[in-house]
N, C-alpha and C. Protein backbone atom coordinates (compact mmCIF):
# COMPACT_ATOMS: atom_id res chain seq x y z
N UNK A 1 4.45 -10.09 -11.53
CA UNK A 1 4.86 -10.69 -10.41
C UNK A 1 3.89 -10.41 -9.28
N UNK A 2 3.63 -11.56 -8.47
CA UNK A 2 2.62 -11.57 -7.43
C UNK A 2 3.05 -10.47 -6.29
N UNK A 3 1.98 -9.78 -5.78
CA UNK A 3 2.36 -8.79 -4.73
C UNK A 3 2.51 -9.57 -3.51
N UNK A 4 3.30 -8.97 -2.60
CA UNK A 4 3.64 -9.54 -1.30
C UNK A 4 2.77 -8.78 -0.29
N UNK A 5 1.83 -9.39 0.42
CA UNK A 5 1.05 -8.70 1.35
C UNK A 5 1.78 -9.06 2.87
N UNK A 6 2.93 -8.48 3.06
CA UNK A 6 3.60 -8.80 4.31
C UNK A 6 3.84 -7.34 5.05
N UNK A 7 4.03 -7.53 6.21
CA UNK A 7 4.47 -6.30 7.22
C UNK A 7 5.63 -6.97 8.02
N UNK A 8 6.84 -6.79 7.48
CA UNK A 8 8.07 -7.47 8.10
C UNK A 8 8.31 -6.54 9.49
N UNK A 9 9.07 -7.06 10.17
CA UNK A 9 9.70 -6.44 11.50
C UNK A 9 10.39 -5.15 11.08
N UNK A 10 11.12 -5.25 10.01
CA UNK A 10 11.82 -4.09 9.52
C UNK A 10 10.96 -2.99 9.11
N UNK A 11 9.73 -3.28 8.94
CA UNK A 11 8.71 -2.20 8.44
C UNK A 11 8.00 -1.75 9.55
N UNK A 12 8.18 -2.09 10.83
CA UNK A 12 7.49 -1.59 12.06
C UNK A 12 8.27 -0.43 12.54
N UNK A 13 7.54 0.57 13.06
CA UNK A 13 8.07 1.77 13.46
C UNK A 13 8.51 1.43 15.06
N UNK A 14 9.87 1.49 15.17
CA UNK A 14 10.59 1.29 16.55
C UNK A 14 11.48 2.39 16.79
N UNK A 15 11.79 2.63 17.90
CA UNK A 15 13.05 3.58 18.18
C UNK A 15 12.46 5.00 18.60
N UNK A 16 12.92 5.57 19.59
CA UNK A 16 12.47 6.71 20.15
C UNK A 16 12.67 7.88 19.22
N UNK A 17 13.96 8.05 18.44
CA UNK A 17 14.10 9.22 17.70
C UNK A 17 13.21 9.41 16.47
N UNK A 18 13.05 8.36 15.96
CA UNK A 18 12.09 8.37 14.68
C UNK A 18 10.64 8.60 15.13
N UNK A 19 10.18 8.09 16.24
CA UNK A 19 8.81 8.27 16.65
C UNK A 19 8.59 9.69 17.14
N UNK A 20 9.59 10.23 17.91
CA UNK A 20 9.56 11.65 18.36
C UNK A 20 9.47 12.66 17.03
N UNK A 21 10.34 12.24 16.06
CA UNK A 21 10.30 13.14 14.89
C UNK A 21 8.81 13.07 14.23
N UNK A 22 8.29 11.85 14.21
CA UNK A 22 6.87 11.84 13.53
C UNK A 22 5.93 12.77 14.30
N UNK A 23 6.05 12.78 15.65
CA UNK A 23 4.99 13.40 16.44
C UNK A 23 5.32 15.01 16.51
N UNK A 24 6.63 15.27 16.37
CA UNK A 24 7.01 16.60 16.46
C UNK A 24 6.91 17.37 15.20
N UNK A 25 7.45 16.86 14.15
CA UNK A 25 7.42 17.43 12.82
C UNK A 25 6.49 16.88 11.74
N UNK A 26 5.85 15.79 12.12
CA UNK A 26 5.03 15.11 11.02
C UNK A 26 3.60 15.86 10.91
N UNK A 27 2.96 15.54 9.78
CA UNK A 27 1.68 15.94 9.42
C UNK A 27 0.61 15.22 10.14
N UNK A 28 -0.38 15.80 10.78
CA UNK A 28 -1.28 15.11 11.50
C UNK A 28 -2.71 15.44 10.96
N UNK A 29 -3.56 14.38 11.10
CA UNK A 29 -5.03 14.60 10.86
C UNK A 29 -5.79 13.43 11.41
N UNK A 30 -7.05 13.81 11.69
CA UNK A 30 -8.12 12.96 12.24
C UNK A 30 -9.07 12.49 11.33
N UNK A 31 -9.34 11.21 11.19
CA UNK A 31 -10.41 10.67 10.45
C UNK A 31 -11.11 9.49 11.22
N UNK A 32 -12.05 9.78 11.90
CA UNK A 32 -12.71 8.98 12.88
C UNK A 32 -12.77 7.50 12.28
N UNK A 33 -12.33 6.53 12.97
CA UNK A 33 -11.90 6.43 14.29
C UNK A 33 -10.38 6.39 14.49
N UNK A 34 -9.59 7.02 13.56
CA UNK A 34 -8.12 7.06 13.57
C UNK A 34 -7.53 8.42 13.62
N UNK A 35 -6.44 8.50 14.41
CA UNK A 35 -5.70 9.69 14.48
C UNK A 35 -4.29 9.32 13.86
N UNK A 36 -3.96 10.15 12.88
CA UNK A 36 -2.74 9.75 12.03
C UNK A 36 -1.59 10.74 12.10
N UNK A 37 -0.38 10.42 12.21
CA UNK A 37 0.88 11.26 12.27
C UNK A 37 1.69 10.68 11.17
N UNK A 38 2.17 11.38 10.24
CA UNK A 38 3.17 10.71 9.23
C UNK A 38 4.25 11.73 8.76
N UNK A 39 5.29 11.23 8.24
CA UNK A 39 6.23 12.00 7.45
C UNK A 39 6.61 11.26 6.21
N UNK A 40 6.71 12.09 5.19
CA UNK A 40 7.33 11.59 3.85
C UNK A 40 8.55 12.37 3.67
N UNK A 41 9.58 11.57 3.57
CA UNK A 41 10.98 12.04 3.24
C UNK A 41 11.72 11.27 2.22
N UNK A 42 12.96 11.79 1.89
CA UNK A 42 13.82 10.98 0.91
C UNK A 42 14.87 10.18 1.53
N UNK A 43 14.76 9.76 2.92
CA UNK A 43 15.85 8.98 3.54
C UNK A 43 15.25 7.62 3.38
N UNK A 44 15.70 6.74 2.36
CA UNK A 44 15.25 5.28 2.16
C UNK A 44 16.39 4.28 2.56
N UNK A 45 17.19 4.65 3.47
CA UNK A 45 18.07 3.78 3.98
C UNK A 45 17.58 2.50 4.68
N UNK A 46 16.58 2.74 5.40
CA UNK A 46 15.97 1.70 6.21
C UNK A 46 14.64 1.15 5.62
N UNK A 47 14.41 1.28 4.38
CA UNK A 47 13.20 0.86 3.81
C UNK A 47 12.36 1.89 3.43
N UNK A 48 11.28 1.65 2.74
CA UNK A 48 10.35 2.73 2.29
C UNK A 48 9.12 2.91 3.15
N UNK A 49 8.84 1.97 4.08
CA UNK A 49 7.66 2.23 5.05
C UNK A 49 8.05 1.77 6.38
N UNK A 50 7.76 2.72 7.27
CA UNK A 50 7.68 2.39 8.83
C UNK A 50 6.29 2.58 9.31
N UNK A 51 5.75 1.46 9.89
CA UNK A 51 4.28 1.71 10.34
C UNK A 51 4.31 1.29 11.80
N UNK A 52 3.63 2.19 12.70
CA UNK A 52 3.31 1.94 14.07
C UNK A 52 1.85 2.24 14.46
N UNK A 53 1.40 1.54 15.42
CA UNK A 53 0.04 1.84 15.70
C UNK A 53 -0.16 1.53 17.28
N UNK A 54 -1.26 2.05 17.77
CA UNK A 54 -1.52 2.14 19.28
C UNK A 54 -2.95 2.19 19.46
N UNK A 55 -3.28 1.71 20.70
CA UNK A 55 -4.70 1.78 21.18
C UNK A 55 -4.56 2.35 22.70
N UNK A 56 -5.15 3.48 22.98
CA UNK A 56 -4.92 3.97 24.27
C UNK A 56 -5.60 3.24 25.41
N UNK A 57 -4.75 3.21 26.73
CA UNK A 57 -5.29 2.53 27.85
C UNK A 57 -6.62 3.14 28.38
N UNK A 58 -6.65 4.37 27.93
CA UNK A 58 -7.96 5.18 28.46
C UNK A 58 -9.20 4.36 27.78
N UNK A 59 -9.17 3.98 26.61
CA UNK A 59 -10.31 3.41 25.87
C UNK A 59 -10.33 1.88 26.14
N UNK A 60 -9.21 1.12 26.29
CA UNK A 60 -9.15 -0.14 26.36
C UNK A 60 -8.32 -0.48 27.65
N UNK A 61 -9.00 -0.85 28.82
CA UNK A 61 -8.43 -1.16 30.03
C UNK A 61 -7.60 -2.49 29.91
N UNK A 62 -8.03 -3.45 29.31
CA UNK A 62 -7.27 -4.66 29.37
C UNK A 62 -6.43 -4.77 28.10
N UNK A 63 -5.11 -5.36 28.43
CA UNK A 63 -4.19 -5.42 27.40
C UNK A 63 -4.59 -6.36 26.27
N UNK A 64 -5.42 -7.30 26.54
CA UNK A 64 -5.92 -8.19 25.47
C UNK A 64 -6.64 -7.39 24.34
N UNK A 65 -7.49 -6.49 24.96
CA UNK A 65 -8.31 -5.64 23.98
C UNK A 65 -7.35 -4.68 23.17
N UNK A 66 -6.41 -4.12 23.77
CA UNK A 66 -5.53 -3.13 23.15
C UNK A 66 -4.76 -3.91 21.99
N UNK A 67 -4.23 -5.01 22.39
CA UNK A 67 -3.65 -5.88 21.42
C UNK A 67 -4.42 -6.30 20.23
N UNK A 68 -5.57 -6.57 20.57
CA UNK A 68 -6.51 -6.96 19.43
C UNK A 68 -6.77 -5.88 18.37
N UNK A 69 -6.86 -4.66 18.96
CA UNK A 69 -7.21 -3.49 18.14
C UNK A 69 -5.88 -3.28 17.32
N UNK A 70 -4.65 -3.33 17.96
CA UNK A 70 -3.44 -3.15 17.03
C UNK A 70 -3.21 -4.29 16.06
N UNK A 71 -3.63 -5.37 16.49
CA UNK A 71 -3.47 -6.53 15.49
C UNK A 71 -4.40 -6.23 14.26
N UNK A 72 -5.57 -5.75 14.59
CA UNK A 72 -6.54 -5.52 13.33
C UNK A 72 -5.98 -4.42 12.47
N UNK A 73 -5.50 -3.32 13.07
CA UNK A 73 -4.74 -2.28 12.43
C UNK A 73 -3.71 -2.63 11.44
N UNK A 74 -2.68 -3.58 12.07
CA UNK A 74 -1.64 -3.99 11.37
C UNK A 74 -2.01 -4.89 10.16
N UNK A 75 -3.16 -5.78 10.48
CA UNK A 75 -3.60 -6.62 9.32
C UNK A 75 -4.22 -5.68 8.23
N UNK A 76 -4.97 -4.76 8.43
CA UNK A 76 -5.59 -3.87 7.57
C UNK A 76 -4.57 -3.09 6.67
N UNK A 77 -3.55 -2.65 7.40
CA UNK A 77 -2.47 -1.95 6.77
C UNK A 77 -1.68 -2.87 5.92
N UNK A 78 -1.39 -4.07 6.37
CA UNK A 78 -0.70 -4.94 5.53
C UNK A 78 -1.32 -5.29 4.25
N UNK A 79 -2.59 -5.41 4.13
CA UNK A 79 -3.31 -5.73 2.97
C UNK A 79 -3.29 -4.54 1.93
N UNK A 80 -3.18 -3.28 2.54
CA UNK A 80 -3.22 -2.08 1.61
C UNK A 80 -1.85 -1.45 1.18
N UNK A 81 -0.84 -1.97 1.95
CA UNK A 81 0.49 -1.32 1.97
C UNK A 81 1.13 -1.35 0.55
N UNK A 82 0.89 -2.35 -0.27
CA UNK A 82 1.52 -2.42 -1.63
C UNK A 82 1.12 -1.29 -2.51
N UNK A 83 0.06 -0.61 -2.23
CA UNK A 83 -0.35 0.49 -2.94
C UNK A 83 0.57 1.74 -2.80
N UNK A 84 1.00 1.90 -1.50
CA UNK A 84 2.03 2.78 -1.17
C UNK A 84 3.51 2.40 -1.60
N UNK A 85 3.86 1.30 -1.41
CA UNK A 85 5.18 0.95 -1.78
C UNK A 85 5.41 1.21 -3.20
N UNK A 86 4.55 0.89 -4.05
CA UNK A 86 4.80 1.14 -5.60
C UNK A 86 5.17 2.80 -5.72
N UNK A 87 4.34 3.58 -5.11
CA UNK A 87 4.50 5.04 -5.21
C UNK A 87 5.74 5.51 -4.67
N UNK A 88 6.03 4.89 -3.46
CA UNK A 88 7.21 5.39 -2.72
C UNK A 88 8.54 4.94 -3.48
N UNK A 89 8.51 3.82 -4.07
CA UNK A 89 9.74 3.38 -4.79
C UNK A 89 9.90 4.26 -6.13
N UNK A 90 8.72 4.61 -6.79
CA UNK A 90 8.95 5.53 -7.92
C UNK A 90 9.41 6.90 -7.45
N UNK A 91 9.13 7.36 -6.48
CA UNK A 91 9.59 8.81 -5.92
C UNK A 91 10.89 8.60 -5.14
N UNK A 92 11.30 7.33 -4.88
CA UNK A 92 12.61 7.17 -4.04
C UNK A 92 12.39 7.81 -2.73
N UNK A 93 11.17 7.55 -1.97
CA UNK A 93 10.90 8.19 -0.78
C UNK A 93 10.63 7.23 0.35
N UNK A 94 10.45 7.72 1.55
CA UNK A 94 10.19 6.83 2.66
C UNK A 94 9.02 7.39 3.45
N UNK A 95 8.05 6.55 3.94
CA UNK A 95 6.89 6.93 4.69
C UNK A 95 7.05 6.39 6.00
N UNK A 96 7.11 7.35 7.04
CA UNK A 96 6.94 6.85 8.42
C UNK A 96 5.62 7.29 8.93
N UNK A 97 4.91 6.33 9.32
CA UNK A 97 3.45 6.58 9.72
C UNK A 97 3.16 5.96 11.16
N UNK A 98 2.29 6.65 12.03
CA UNK A 98 1.85 6.29 13.36
C UNK A 98 0.41 6.38 13.38
N UNK A 99 -0.41 5.40 13.71
CA UNK A 99 -1.92 5.42 13.67
C UNK A 99 -2.32 5.09 15.11
N UNK A 100 -3.29 5.96 15.64
CA UNK A 100 -3.91 5.63 16.91
C UNK A 100 -5.40 5.51 16.72
N UNK A 101 -5.83 4.29 17.27
CA UNK A 101 -7.24 4.14 17.31
C UNK A 101 -8.04 4.78 18.41
N UNK A 102 -8.90 5.74 18.14
CA UNK A 102 -9.41 6.68 19.23
C UNK A 102 -10.82 6.36 19.58
N UNK A 103 -11.62 5.52 18.88
CA UNK A 103 -12.91 5.20 19.23
C UNK A 103 -13.11 4.19 20.48
N UNK A 104 -14.10 4.39 21.26
CA UNK A 104 -14.11 3.50 22.38
C UNK A 104 -14.74 2.16 21.98
N UNK A 105 -14.57 1.07 22.72
CA UNK A 105 -15.14 -0.25 22.36
C UNK A 105 -14.37 -0.94 21.25
N UNK A 106 -14.48 -2.22 21.35
CA UNK A 106 -13.81 -3.08 20.43
C UNK A 106 -14.46 -2.90 18.96
N UNK A 107 -13.48 -2.78 17.81
CA UNK A 107 -14.12 -2.58 16.61
C UNK A 107 -14.30 -3.80 15.89
N UNK A 108 -15.10 -3.88 14.73
CA UNK A 108 -15.03 -5.00 13.83
C UNK A 108 -13.93 -4.75 12.79
N UNK A 109 -13.32 -5.76 12.22
CA UNK A 109 -12.32 -5.70 11.24
C UNK A 109 -12.90 -4.63 10.02
N UNK A 110 -13.99 -4.73 9.69
CA UNK A 110 -14.54 -4.05 8.48
C UNK A 110 -14.57 -2.52 8.75
N UNK A 111 -14.61 -2.15 10.00
CA UNK A 111 -14.54 -0.71 10.38
C UNK A 111 -13.12 -0.18 10.24
N UNK A 112 -12.29 -0.93 10.71
CA UNK A 112 -10.79 -0.68 10.73
C UNK A 112 -10.30 -0.66 9.32
N UNK A 113 -10.76 -1.68 8.47
CA UNK A 113 -10.30 -1.84 7.12
C UNK A 113 -10.70 -0.67 6.27
N UNK A 114 -11.99 -0.12 6.47
CA UNK A 114 -12.47 0.96 5.58
C UNK A 114 -11.71 2.12 6.06
N UNK A 115 -11.37 2.32 7.34
CA UNK A 115 -10.59 3.44 7.91
C UNK A 115 -9.17 3.46 7.25
N UNK A 116 -8.54 2.31 7.23
CA UNK A 116 -7.15 2.31 6.64
C UNK A 116 -7.16 2.36 5.19
N UNK A 117 -8.25 1.98 4.58
CA UNK A 117 -8.36 2.02 3.06
C UNK A 117 -8.36 3.60 2.77
N UNK A 118 -9.33 4.36 3.54
CA UNK A 118 -9.22 5.74 3.26
C UNK A 118 -7.86 6.43 3.55
N UNK A 119 -7.28 6.00 4.70
CA UNK A 119 -6.03 6.48 5.06
C UNK A 119 -4.95 6.34 3.83
N UNK A 120 -4.95 5.07 3.33
CA UNK A 120 -3.98 4.69 2.24
C UNK A 120 -4.32 5.66 0.93
N UNK A 121 -5.48 5.79 0.58
CA UNK A 121 -5.90 6.60 -0.51
C UNK A 121 -5.28 8.08 -0.28
N UNK A 122 -5.56 8.57 0.88
CA UNK A 122 -4.97 9.91 1.23
C UNK A 122 -3.54 10.07 1.13
N UNK A 123 -2.83 9.03 1.73
CA UNK A 123 -1.39 9.10 1.84
C UNK A 123 -0.86 8.96 0.29
N UNK A 124 -1.53 8.15 -0.52
CA UNK A 124 -1.24 7.89 -1.94
C UNK A 124 -1.18 9.40 -2.63
N UNK A 125 -2.25 10.11 -2.35
CA UNK A 125 -2.25 11.42 -2.91
C UNK A 125 -1.09 12.29 -2.46
N UNK A 126 -1.00 12.21 -1.16
CA UNK A 126 0.10 13.11 -0.56
C UNK A 126 1.41 12.73 -1.18
N UNK A 127 1.66 11.39 -1.37
CA UNK A 127 3.06 10.92 -2.03
C UNK A 127 3.14 11.53 -3.35
N UNK A 128 2.06 11.47 -4.28
CA UNK A 128 2.00 11.99 -5.64
C UNK A 128 2.45 13.43 -5.51
N UNK A 129 1.92 14.23 -4.63
CA UNK A 129 2.11 15.77 -4.62
C UNK A 129 3.38 16.12 -3.84
N UNK A 130 4.11 15.22 -3.23
CA UNK A 130 5.34 15.53 -2.63
C UNK A 130 6.58 15.81 -3.50
N UNK A 131 7.15 16.99 -3.27
CA UNK A 131 8.38 17.30 -4.02
C UNK A 131 9.55 16.88 -3.06
N UNK A 132 10.44 16.07 -3.50
CA UNK A 132 11.56 15.60 -2.69
C UNK A 132 12.68 16.10 -3.23
N UNK A 133 13.86 16.24 -2.40
CA UNK A 133 15.11 16.90 -2.98
C UNK A 133 15.65 16.07 -4.09
N UNK A 134 15.63 14.80 -4.10
CA UNK A 134 16.32 14.10 -5.27
C UNK A 134 15.39 13.84 -6.51
N UNK A 135 14.27 14.48 -6.47
CA UNK A 135 13.47 14.46 -7.69
C UNK A 135 13.23 15.74 -8.40
C-alpha cells in the first residue's frame, strides 16, 4: 500500500492543556537549529501523532518570515512522519511533539529537512525503547 505523506488538521498540536503538558512534563533536547519537546504515551484516542511548531518573534520580526519557517518545518515533518506512525501503531502509542526553530535568519529547506530527519531518527529510537502500560 502506498504511504500517505499528509499532515492533517487532526495531527496538528492545538489546545492549551496538551501544549502545557508537553512543556511541563515532556522530554526536551536541543539539536541546532531545533529545540524539541515531546511526550510519548499510550493515550491514542485522538490519533497517534500531534505536531506543533514555532518560530520566535525575537529571531523573525516579520510574520511572513515566521510563517515561512513554520511552513518549511511542517513540510519536512510531513515527509518523514510515516516512519514514526508505523512504530507508534505497533506500540499502540501517541507522540505529542513541539518543535521551535532557534537559529536566526531564514533557513533553506535542506537545512530544516536534515534537522527534522535527525529528529525523526532519534524519536524512532525513543519509541522503540519506550515501555508503555498496555505493552
